[in-house]
Amino acid sequence: MILLVTVGSTNFDCLIYAILHSEFLNDLKNVGFDKIVLQYGNKINYKDLSNKLESFGEFEKIKITQIITKFVLKDFGVEIEIFSYIDTISSYLQMSDLIISHSGAGTIMECLRIKKKIIACVNNDLMDNHQLEFAQQLDIEQYLHFCSNFENLIQSVKFCLNSKFKAFPQ
């Protein structure tokens, strides 16, 4: 299965590093994921992220395009493709089995239109935290799952895999 993680263009380091935690990667593999596509935004330094991935033990690093790099983490049995930002993420949305996303309205609405399971995470570092009410309301209406605590992220993944969400009106 494929997990897409997208943070848009803003800084959302705490989500990125929650994903890149050895316990989370092990748990993710145990529930059936073997590929993560990680769109990390414009604020994280590529070299820092690369060093983090290289610290997980035996790996293979493959440059796919000018902006996309794949890491095969052999100790975890998972591939992670990383890129900072691309103009259109639609093809990645389509191929993903689950999406963990910032709670920006544009990304969330695009995911809902194509009937994808979504874990919406609110970026508390944003000035007015405008994403919170939006994500909470969509969770209440059972269109997606809202996760406010990254320590419980794997529980959110398991919940989504075992849940049926309402289809968003077109």
N, C-alpha and C. Protein backbone atom coordinates (compact mmCIF):
# COMPACT_ATOMS: atom_id res chain seq x y z
N MET A 1 0.85 -1.19 0.00
CA MET A 1 0.00 0.00 0.00
C MET A 1 0.89 1.24 0.00
N ILE A 2 0.31 2.33 -0.47
CA ILE A 2 1.04 3.59 -0.59
C ILE A 2 0.41 4.64 0.32
N LEU A 3 1.26 5.30 1.10
CA LEU A 3 0.86 6.42 1.95
C LEU A 3 1.43 7.70 1.36
N LEU A 4 0.58 8.69 1.15
CA LEU A 4 1.04 10.01 0.73
C LEU A 4 0.95 10.94 1.93
N VAL A 5 2.03 11.67 2.17
CA VAL A 5 2.06 12.69 3.21
C VAL A 5 2.35 14.00 2.51
N THR A 6 1.47 14.98 2.71
CA THR A 6 1.66 16.28 2.06
C THR A 6 1.46 17.42 3.05
N VAL A 7 2.38 18.38 3.01
CA VAL A 7 2.29 19.53 3.92
C VAL A 7 2.05 20.83 3.17
N GLY A 8 1.93 20.77 1.85
CA GLY A 8 1.75 22.00 1.08
C GLY A 8 3.04 22.80 1.05
N SER A 9 2.90 24.10 1.02
CA SER A 9 4.09 24.96 0.91
C SER A 9 4.55 25.51 2.25
N THR A 10 3.83 25.24 3.32
CA THR A 10 4.21 25.79 4.62
C THR A 10 5.13 24.85 5.38
N ASN A 11 5.68 25.36 6.45
CA ASN A 11 6.55 24.60 7.33
C ASN A 11 5.69 23.73 8.26
N PHE A 12 5.93 22.43 8.25
CA PHE A 12 5.17 21.52 9.12
C PHE A 12 6.11 20.39 9.57
N ASP A 13 7.24 20.81 10.14
CA ASP A 13 8.30 19.87 10.54
C ASP A 13 7.81 18.79 11.48
N CYS A 14 6.94 19.15 12.43
CA CYS A 14 6.53 18.15 13.43
C CYS A 14 5.79 16.99 12.76
N LEU A 15 5.04 17.23 11.71
CA LEU A 15 4.38 16.13 11.00
C LEU A 15 5.41 15.30 10.24
N ILE A 16 6.32 15.95 9.55
CA ILE A 16 7.34 15.24 8.77
C ILE A 16 8.15 14.32 9.68
N TYR A 17 8.59 14.85 10.82
CA TYR A 17 9.44 14.04 11.70
C TYR A 17 8.65 13.01 12.50
N ALA A 18 7.34 13.19 12.65
CA ALA A 18 6.50 12.13 13.23
C ALA A 18 6.44 10.94 12.27
N ILE A 19 6.37 11.23 10.97
CA ILE A 19 6.36 10.18 9.96
C ILE A 19 7.70 9.46 9.94
N LEU A 20 8.78 10.24 10.02
CA LEU A 20 10.13 9.68 9.93
C LEU A 20 10.65 9.28 11.30
N HIS A 21 9.86 8.55 12.03
CA HIS A 21 10.24 8.02 13.33
C HIS A 21 10.27 6.50 13.19
N SER A 22 11.30 5.88 13.71
CA SER A 22 11.48 4.43 13.49
C SER A 22 10.28 3.62 13.97
N GLU A 23 9.69 3.98 15.09
CA GLU A 23 8.52 3.23 15.59
C GLU A 23 7.35 3.36 14.62
N PHE A 24 7.12 4.57 14.11
CA PHE A 24 6.03 4.77 13.16
C PHE A 24 6.28 3.98 11.87
N LEU A 25 7.51 4.01 11.37
CA LEU A 25 7.83 3.28 10.14
C LEU A 25 7.63 1.78 10.32
N ASN A 26 8.03 1.25 11.46
CA ASN A 26 7.80 -0.18 11.74
C ASN A 26 6.32 -0.50 11.79
N ASP A 27 5.57 0.33 12.52
CA ASP A 27 4.12 0.10 12.64
C ASP A 27 3.43 0.21 11.29
N LEU A 28 3.87 1.17 10.49
CA LEU A 28 3.28 1.36 9.16
C LEU A 28 3.50 0.12 8.29
N LYS A 29 4.69 -0.41 8.33
CA LYS A 29 5.00 -1.64 7.58
C LYS A 29 4.13 -2.79 8.07
N ASN A 30 3.93 -2.87 9.38
CA ASN A 30 3.13 -3.95 9.97
C ASN A 30 1.66 -3.91 9.57
N VAL A 31 1.15 -2.73 9.21
CA VAL A 31 -0.25 -2.66 8.77
C VAL A 31 -0.37 -2.73 7.24
N GLY A 32 0.76 -2.93 6.55
CA GLY A 32 0.69 -3.21 5.12
C GLY A 32 1.24 -2.16 4.17
N PHE A 33 1.80 -1.07 4.67
CA PHE A 33 2.35 -0.05 3.78
C PHE A 33 3.79 -0.40 3.43
N ASP A 34 4.13 -0.26 2.14
CA ASP A 34 5.51 -0.50 1.73
C ASP A 34 6.10 0.70 0.97
N LYS A 35 5.29 1.75 0.82
CA LYS A 35 5.78 2.94 0.14
C LYS A 35 5.17 4.18 0.78
N ILE A 36 6.02 5.19 0.99
CA ILE A 36 5.59 6.50 1.48
C ILE A 36 6.04 7.53 0.45
N VAL A 37 5.14 8.39 0.06
CA VAL A 37 5.49 9.54 -0.77
C VAL A 37 5.38 10.74 0.16
N LEU A 38 6.47 11.47 0.32
CA LEU A 38 6.57 12.53 1.32
C LEU A 38 6.85 13.87 0.65
N GLN A 39 5.83 14.71 0.59
CA GLN A 39 5.98 16.08 0.09
C GLN A 39 6.22 16.94 1.32
N TYR A 40 7.46 17.42 1.47
CA TYR A 40 7.89 18.01 2.73
C TYR A 40 7.88 19.54 2.79
N GLY A 41 7.46 20.20 1.74
CA GLY A 41 7.35 21.66 1.79
C GLY A 41 8.64 22.37 1.45
N ASN A 42 8.60 23.68 1.51
CA ASN A 42 9.73 24.49 1.09
C ASN A 42 10.66 24.91 2.22
N LYS A 43 10.35 24.54 3.44
CA LYS A 43 11.12 25.05 4.57
C LYS A 43 12.17 24.08 5.10
N ILE A 44 11.94 22.78 4.98
CA ILE A 44 12.91 21.81 5.49
C ILE A 44 14.07 21.71 4.50
N ASN A 45 15.27 21.67 5.03
CA ASN A 45 16.47 21.54 4.23
C ASN A 45 16.58 20.11 3.71
N TYR A 46 16.74 19.95 2.40
CA TYR A 46 16.84 18.62 1.78
C TYR A 46 17.95 17.80 2.42
N LYS A 47 19.08 18.40 2.65
CA LYS A 47 20.24 17.68 3.20
C LYS A 47 19.91 17.14 4.59
N ASP A 48 19.22 17.93 5.43
CA ASP A 48 18.83 17.46 6.76
C ASP A 48 17.89 16.26 6.67
N LEU A 49 16.95 16.35 5.75
CA LEU A 49 15.99 15.25 5.56
C LEU A 49 16.70 14.00 5.03
N SER A 50 17.59 14.20 4.09
CA SER A 50 18.37 13.09 3.54
C SER A 50 19.21 12.42 4.64
N ASN A 51 19.85 13.23 5.47
CA ASN A 51 20.64 12.69 6.58
C ASN A 51 19.77 11.88 7.54
N LYS A 52 18.57 12.38 7.81
CA LYS A 52 17.65 11.67 8.69
C LYS A 52 17.33 10.29 8.11
N LEU A 53 17.00 10.25 6.82
CA LEU A 53 16.67 8.98 6.17
C LEU A 53 17.87 8.04 6.14
N GLU A 54 19.05 8.58 5.91
CA GLU A 54 20.26 7.77 5.86
C GLU A 54 20.62 7.20 7.23
N SER A 55 20.12 7.81 8.29
CA SER A 55 20.43 7.36 9.65
C SER A 55 19.67 6.09 10.04
N PHE A 56 18.73 5.65 9.21
CA PHE A 56 17.91 4.49 9.55
C PHE A 56 18.58 3.15 9.24
N GLY A 57 19.84 3.16 8.89
CA GLY A 57 20.53 1.89 8.61
C GLY A 57 20.76 1.71 7.13
N GLU A 58 20.80 0.47 6.70
CA GLU A 58 21.10 0.16 5.31
C GLU A 58 20.03 0.75 4.39
N PHE A 59 20.47 1.46 3.36
CA PHE A 59 19.54 2.12 2.44
C PHE A 59 20.13 2.18 1.04
N GLU A 60 19.24 2.44 0.10
CA GLU A 60 19.64 2.72 -1.27
C GLU A 60 19.00 4.05 -1.62
N LYS A 61 19.77 4.94 -2.24
CA LYS A 61 19.29 6.27 -2.60
C LYS A 61 19.28 6.37 -4.12
N ILE A 62 18.11 6.71 -4.68
CA ILE A 62 17.95 6.76 -6.13
C ILE A 62 17.35 8.11 -6.52
N LYS A 63 18.03 8.83 -7.38
CA LYS A 63 17.50 10.10 -7.88
C LYS A 63 16.54 9.78 -9.02
N ILE A 64 15.24 10.02 -8.83
CA ILE A 64 14.24 9.69 -9.84
C ILE A 64 14.13 10.80 -10.87
N THR A 65 14.00 12.03 -10.40
CA THR A 65 13.99 13.20 -11.27
C THR A 65 14.82 14.28 -10.60
N GLN A 66 14.84 15.44 -11.19
CA GLN A 66 15.59 16.56 -10.62
C GLN A 66 15.10 16.91 -9.22
N ILE A 67 13.80 16.68 -8.95
CA ILE A 67 13.25 17.07 -7.65
C ILE A 67 12.79 15.91 -6.77
N ILE A 68 12.77 14.70 -7.29
CA ILE A 68 12.27 13.55 -6.53
C ILE A 68 13.39 12.55 -6.28
N THR A 69 13.58 12.21 -5.01
CA THR A 69 14.58 11.21 -4.62
C THR A 69 13.88 10.08 -3.89
N LYS A 70 14.28 8.85 -4.19
CA LYS A 70 13.72 7.69 -3.51
C LYS A 70 14.77 7.08 -2.60
N PHE A 71 14.36 6.78 -1.37
CA PHE A 71 15.19 6.06 -0.42
C PHE A 71 14.53 4.70 -0.18
N VAL A 72 15.30 3.65 -0.33
CA VAL A 72 14.81 2.31 0.02
C VAL A 72 15.46 1.97 1.36
N LEU A 73 14.64 1.98 2.41
CA LEU A 73 15.14 1.68 3.76
C LEU A 73 15.04 0.17 3.97
N LYS A 74 16.16 -0.49 3.80
CA LYS A 74 16.16 -1.96 3.78
C LYS A 74 15.80 -2.55 5.14
N ASP A 75 16.20 -1.92 6.23
CA ASP A 75 15.88 -2.44 7.56
C ASP A 75 14.39 -2.35 7.87
N PHE A 76 13.69 -1.47 7.19
CA PHE A 76 12.25 -1.28 7.42
C PHE A 76 11.39 -1.89 6.32
N GLY A 77 12.00 -2.23 5.19
CA GLY A 77 11.24 -2.79 4.07
C GLY A 77 10.28 -1.78 3.48
N VAL A 78 10.70 -0.53 3.40
CA VAL A 78 9.83 0.52 2.90
C VAL A 78 10.61 1.45 1.97
N GLU A 79 9.93 1.93 0.93
CA GLU A 79 10.48 2.95 0.04
C GLU A 79 9.88 4.29 0.44
N ILE A 80 10.71 5.33 0.43
CA ILE A 80 10.21 6.67 0.71
C ILE A 80 10.67 7.59 -0.41
N GLU A 81 9.71 8.13 -1.16
CA GLU A 81 10.02 9.14 -2.18
C GLU A 81 9.80 10.50 -1.55
N ILE A 82 10.78 11.38 -1.71
CA ILE A 82 10.66 12.72 -1.12
C ILE A 82 10.81 13.79 -2.19
N PHE A 83 10.08 14.87 -1.99
CA PHE A 83 10.23 16.07 -2.81
C PHE A 83 9.67 17.24 -2.01
N SER A 84 10.19 18.43 -2.31
CA SER A 84 9.75 19.60 -1.55
C SER A 84 8.38 20.07 -2.01
N TYR A 85 8.22 20.25 -3.30
CA TYR A 85 6.96 20.78 -3.80
C TYR A 85 6.89 20.52 -5.30
N ILE A 86 5.71 20.21 -5.79
CA ILE A 86 5.48 20.10 -7.23
C ILE A 86 4.20 20.86 -7.56
N ASP A 87 4.09 21.29 -8.80
CA ASP A 87 2.93 22.09 -9.19
C ASP A 87 1.62 21.34 -9.05
N THR A 88 1.61 20.08 -9.42
CA THR A 88 0.39 19.30 -9.28
C THR A 88 0.70 17.98 -8.60
N ILE A 89 -0.05 17.71 -7.57
CA ILE A 89 0.16 16.49 -6.80
C ILE A 89 -0.92 15.45 -7.12
N SER A 90 -1.74 15.75 -8.11
CA SER A 90 -2.90 14.92 -8.44
C SER A 90 -2.56 13.46 -8.69
N SER A 91 -1.50 13.18 -9.43
CA SER A 91 -1.18 11.78 -9.73
C SER A 91 -0.81 11.02 -8.45
N TYR A 92 -0.16 11.70 -7.53
CA TYR A 92 0.17 11.05 -6.25
C TYR A 92 -1.08 10.82 -5.41
N LEU A 93 -2.00 11.77 -5.44
CA LEU A 93 -3.27 11.59 -4.73
C LEU A 93 -4.00 10.37 -5.26
N GLN A 94 -4.05 10.25 -6.58
CA GLN A 94 -4.76 9.14 -7.22
C GLN A 94 -4.20 7.78 -6.83
N MET A 95 -2.88 7.65 -6.78
CA MET A 95 -2.28 6.33 -6.55
C MET A 95 -2.19 5.94 -5.08
N SER A 96 -2.51 6.86 -4.18
CA SER A 96 -2.35 6.60 -2.75
C SER A 96 -3.54 5.84 -2.16
N ASP A 97 -3.22 4.97 -1.21
CA ASP A 97 -4.26 4.24 -0.48
C ASP A 97 -4.75 5.03 0.72
N LEU A 98 -3.90 5.90 1.25
CA LEU A 98 -4.23 6.75 2.39
C LEU A 98 -3.40 8.02 2.27
N ILE A 99 -4.00 9.14 2.67
CA ILE A 99 -3.32 10.43 2.61
C ILE A 99 -3.30 11.05 3.99
N ILE A 100 -2.12 11.45 4.43
CA ILE A 100 -1.97 12.26 5.64
C ILE A 100 -1.62 13.65 5.15
N SER A 101 -2.46 14.62 5.49
CA SER A 101 -2.33 15.95 4.90
C SER A 101 -2.44 17.05 5.93
N HIS A 102 -1.79 18.17 5.61
CA HIS A 102 -2.10 19.40 6.32
C HIS A 102 -3.58 19.67 6.06
N SER A 103 -4.17 20.55 6.81
CA SER A 103 -5.62 20.76 6.69
C SER A 103 -5.99 21.93 5.80
N GLY A 104 -5.16 22.22 4.83
CA GLY A 104 -5.49 23.27 3.87
C GLY A 104 -6.70 22.88 3.04
N ALA A 105 -7.60 23.81 2.84
CA ALA A 105 -8.87 23.53 2.17
C ALA A 105 -8.67 22.99 0.76
N GLY A 106 -7.74 23.52 0.00
CA GLY A 106 -7.54 23.08 -1.38
C GLY A 106 -7.16 21.62 -1.47
N THR A 107 -6.19 21.22 -0.69
CA THR A 107 -5.74 19.82 -0.71
C THR A 107 -6.84 18.89 -0.20
N ILE A 108 -7.47 19.27 0.90
CA ILE A 108 -8.53 18.43 1.47
C ILE A 108 -9.67 18.25 0.47
N MET A 109 -10.09 19.33 -0.16
CA MET A 109 -11.21 19.23 -1.11
C MET A 109 -10.83 18.37 -2.31
N GLU A 110 -9.59 18.50 -2.79
CA GLU A 110 -9.15 17.66 -3.92
C GLU A 110 -9.17 16.18 -3.53
N CYS A 111 -8.74 15.86 -2.32
CA CYS A 111 -8.77 14.47 -1.84
C CYS A 111 -10.20 13.96 -1.72
N LEU A 112 -11.08 14.78 -1.19
CA LEU A 112 -12.47 14.36 -1.01
C LEU A 112 -13.17 14.14 -2.36
N ARG A 113 -12.84 14.98 -3.35
CA ARG A 113 -13.45 14.83 -4.68
C ARG A 113 -13.11 13.49 -5.32
N ILE A 114 -11.92 12.98 -5.05
CA ILE A 114 -11.52 11.71 -5.65
C ILE A 114 -11.72 10.54 -4.68
N LYS A 115 -12.45 10.80 -3.61
CA LYS A 115 -12.89 9.76 -2.66
C LYS A 115 -11.73 9.01 -2.00
N LYS A 116 -10.75 9.76 -1.52
CA LYS A 116 -9.61 9.16 -0.83
C LYS A 116 -9.79 9.26 0.68
N LYS A 117 -9.26 8.28 1.39
CA LYS A 117 -9.24 8.33 2.85
C LYS A 117 -8.16 9.31 3.28
N ILE A 118 -8.53 10.20 4.20
CA ILE A 118 -7.64 11.29 4.59
C ILE A 118 -7.53 11.37 6.10
N ILE A 119 -6.31 11.57 6.57
CA ILE A 119 -6.06 11.98 7.94
C ILE A 119 -5.64 13.44 7.85
N ALA A 120 -6.46 14.33 8.39
CA ALA A 120 -6.17 15.76 8.35
C ALA A 120 -5.45 16.16 9.64
N CYS A 121 -4.32 16.81 9.48
CA CYS A 121 -3.51 17.26 10.62
C CYS A 121 -3.43 18.78 10.59
N VAL A 122 -3.67 19.38 11.72
CA VAL A 122 -3.65 20.83 11.80
C VAL A 122 -2.26 21.30 12.17
N ASN A 123 -1.79 22.29 11.44
CA ASN A 123 -0.50 22.89 11.70
C ASN A 123 -0.69 24.01 12.72
N ASN A 124 -0.37 23.72 13.97
CA ASN A 124 -0.57 24.69 15.05
C ASN A 124 0.39 25.87 14.98
N ASP A 125 1.41 25.78 14.13
CA ASP A 125 2.36 26.88 13.99
C ASP A 125 1.84 28.01 13.11
N LEU A 126 0.73 27.77 12.41
CA LEU A 126 0.17 28.84 11.58
C LEU A 126 -0.44 29.90 12.48
N MET A 127 -0.40 31.12 12.03
CA MET A 127 -0.75 32.26 12.87
C MET A 127 -2.15 32.18 13.47
N ASP A 128 -3.15 31.97 12.66
CA ASP A 128 -4.52 32.01 13.19
C ASP A 128 -5.14 30.62 13.31
N ASN A 129 -4.37 29.59 12.99
CA ASN A 129 -4.84 28.21 13.10
C ASN A 129 -6.20 28.04 12.45
N HIS A 130 -6.37 28.61 11.27
CA HIS A 130 -7.65 28.60 10.55
C HIS A 130 -8.06 27.21 10.08
N GLN A 131 -7.14 26.27 10.09
CA GLN A 131 -7.44 24.92 9.60
C GLN A 131 -8.21 24.08 10.61
N LEU A 132 -8.15 24.44 11.88
CA LEU A 132 -8.71 23.60 12.94
C LEU A 132 -10.21 23.37 12.79
N GLU A 133 -10.99 24.43 12.69
CA GLU A 133 -12.45 24.29 12.59
C GLU A 133 -12.84 23.51 11.34
N PHE A 134 -12.16 23.78 10.25
CA PHE A 134 -12.42 23.11 8.97
C PHE A 134 -12.23 21.60 9.12
N ALA A 135 -11.08 21.19 9.65
CA ALA A 135 -10.78 19.76 9.80
C ALA A 135 -11.71 19.09 10.80
N GLN A 136 -11.97 19.77 11.91
CA GLN A 136 -12.86 19.19 12.92
C GLN A 136 -14.26 18.98 12.37
N GLN A 137 -14.77 19.94 11.61
CA GLN A 137 -16.13 19.82 11.08
C GLN A 137 -16.23 18.67 10.07
N LEU A 138 -15.23 18.53 9.22
CA LEU A 138 -15.24 17.42 8.26
C LEU A 138 -15.10 16.07 8.96
N ASP A 139 -14.42 16.05 10.08
CA ASP A 139 -14.33 14.83 10.88
C ASP A 139 -15.69 14.51 11.51
N ILE A 140 -16.32 15.51 12.09
CA ILE A 140 -17.65 15.33 12.70
C ILE A 140 -18.64 14.79 11.68
N GLU A 141 -18.56 15.30 10.45
CA GLU A 141 -19.48 14.87 9.39
C GLU A 141 -19.03 13.56 8.72
N GLN A 142 -17.95 12.98 9.20
CA GLN A 142 -17.44 11.67 8.77
C GLN A 142 -16.95 11.62 7.32
N TYR A 143 -16.33 12.72 6.88
CA TYR A 143 -15.72 12.74 5.56
C TYR A 143 -14.24 12.38 5.62
N LEU A 144 -13.63 12.56 6.78
CA LEU A 144 -12.21 12.30 6.98
C LEU A 144 -11.96 12.05 8.45
N HIS A 145 -10.71 11.78 8.78
CA HIS A 145 -10.31 11.61 10.18
C HIS A 145 -9.37 12.75 10.55
N PHE A 146 -9.64 13.39 11.65
CA PHE A 146 -8.83 14.49 12.16
C PHE A 146 -7.89 13.96 13.22
N CYS A 147 -6.61 14.25 13.10
CA CYS A 147 -5.61 13.83 14.08
C CYS A 147 -4.93 15.08 14.65
N SER A 148 -5.06 15.25 15.94
CA SER A 148 -4.46 16.43 16.58
C SER A 148 -3.21 16.08 17.37
N ASN A 149 -2.94 14.80 17.56
CA ASN A 149 -1.81 14.37 18.37
C ASN A 149 -0.98 13.38 17.57
N PHE A 150 0.21 13.79 17.17
CA PHE A 150 1.04 12.94 16.32
C PHE A 150 1.54 11.69 17.03
N GLU A 151 1.49 11.67 18.36
CA GLU A 151 1.86 10.46 19.09
C GLU A 151 0.86 9.34 18.81
N ASN A 152 -0.35 9.71 18.37
CA ASN A 152 -1.39 8.73 18.06
C ASN A 152 -1.57 8.52 16.56
N LEU A 153 -0.58 8.91 15.78
CA LEU A 153 -0.72 8.87 14.33
C LEU A 153 -0.94 7.45 13.80
N ILE A 154 -0.26 6.47 14.35
CA ILE A 154 -0.46 5.10 13.85
C ILE A 154 -1.87 4.61 14.18
N GLN A 155 -2.42 5.04 15.31
CA GLN A 155 -3.81 4.68 15.63
C GLN A 155 -4.76 5.31 14.62
N SER A 156 -4.45 6.52 14.19
CA SER A 156 -5.26 7.18 13.16
C SER A 156 -5.18 6.42 11.85
N VAL A 157 -4.00 5.93 11.50
CA VAL A 157 -3.83 5.14 10.28
C VAL A 157 -4.69 3.88 10.36
N LYS A 158 -4.59 3.17 11.47
CA LYS A 158 -5.37 1.94 11.65
C LYS A 158 -6.87 2.22 11.61
N PHE A 159 -7.28 3.31 12.25
CA PHE A 159 -8.70 3.70 12.25
C PHE A 159 -9.18 3.91 10.82
N CYS A 160 -8.41 4.66 10.04
CA CYS A 160 -8.81 4.95 8.66
C CYS A 160 -8.88 3.70 7.80
N LEU A 161 -7.93 2.82 7.97
CA LEU A 161 -7.92 1.59 7.17
C LEU A 161 -9.14 0.73 7.45
N ASN A 162 -9.68 0.83 8.66
CA ASN A 162 -10.82 0.01 9.05
C ASN A 162 -12.14 0.76 9.04
N SER A 163 -12.15 1.98 8.50
CA SER A 163 -13.36 2.81 8.51
C SER A 163 -13.86 3.07 7.10
N LYS A 164 -15.14 3.31 7.02
CA LYS A 164 -15.76 3.75 5.77
C LYS A 164 -16.24 5.17 6.00
N PHE A 165 -15.77 6.08 5.18
CA PHE A 165 -16.15 7.48 5.32
C PHE A 165 -17.26 7.82 4.33
N LYS A 166 -17.99 8.87 4.63
CA LYS A 166 -19.04 9.32 3.73
C LYS A 166 -18.41 9.92 2.47
N ALA A 167 -19.08 9.73 1.35
CA ALA A 167 -18.63 10.35 0.10
C ALA A 167 -19.00 11.83 0.15
N PHE A 168 -18.06 12.66 -0.23
CA PHE A 168 -18.30 14.10 -0.23
C PHE A 168 -19.18 14.47 -1.42
N PRO A 169 -20.21 15.30 -1.20
CA PRO A 169 -21.09 15.69 -2.32
C PRO A 169 -20.30 16.37 -3.43
N GLN A 170 -20.59 16.01 -4.65
CA GLN A 170 -19.87 16.58 -5.81
C GLN A 170 -20.42 17.90 -6.21
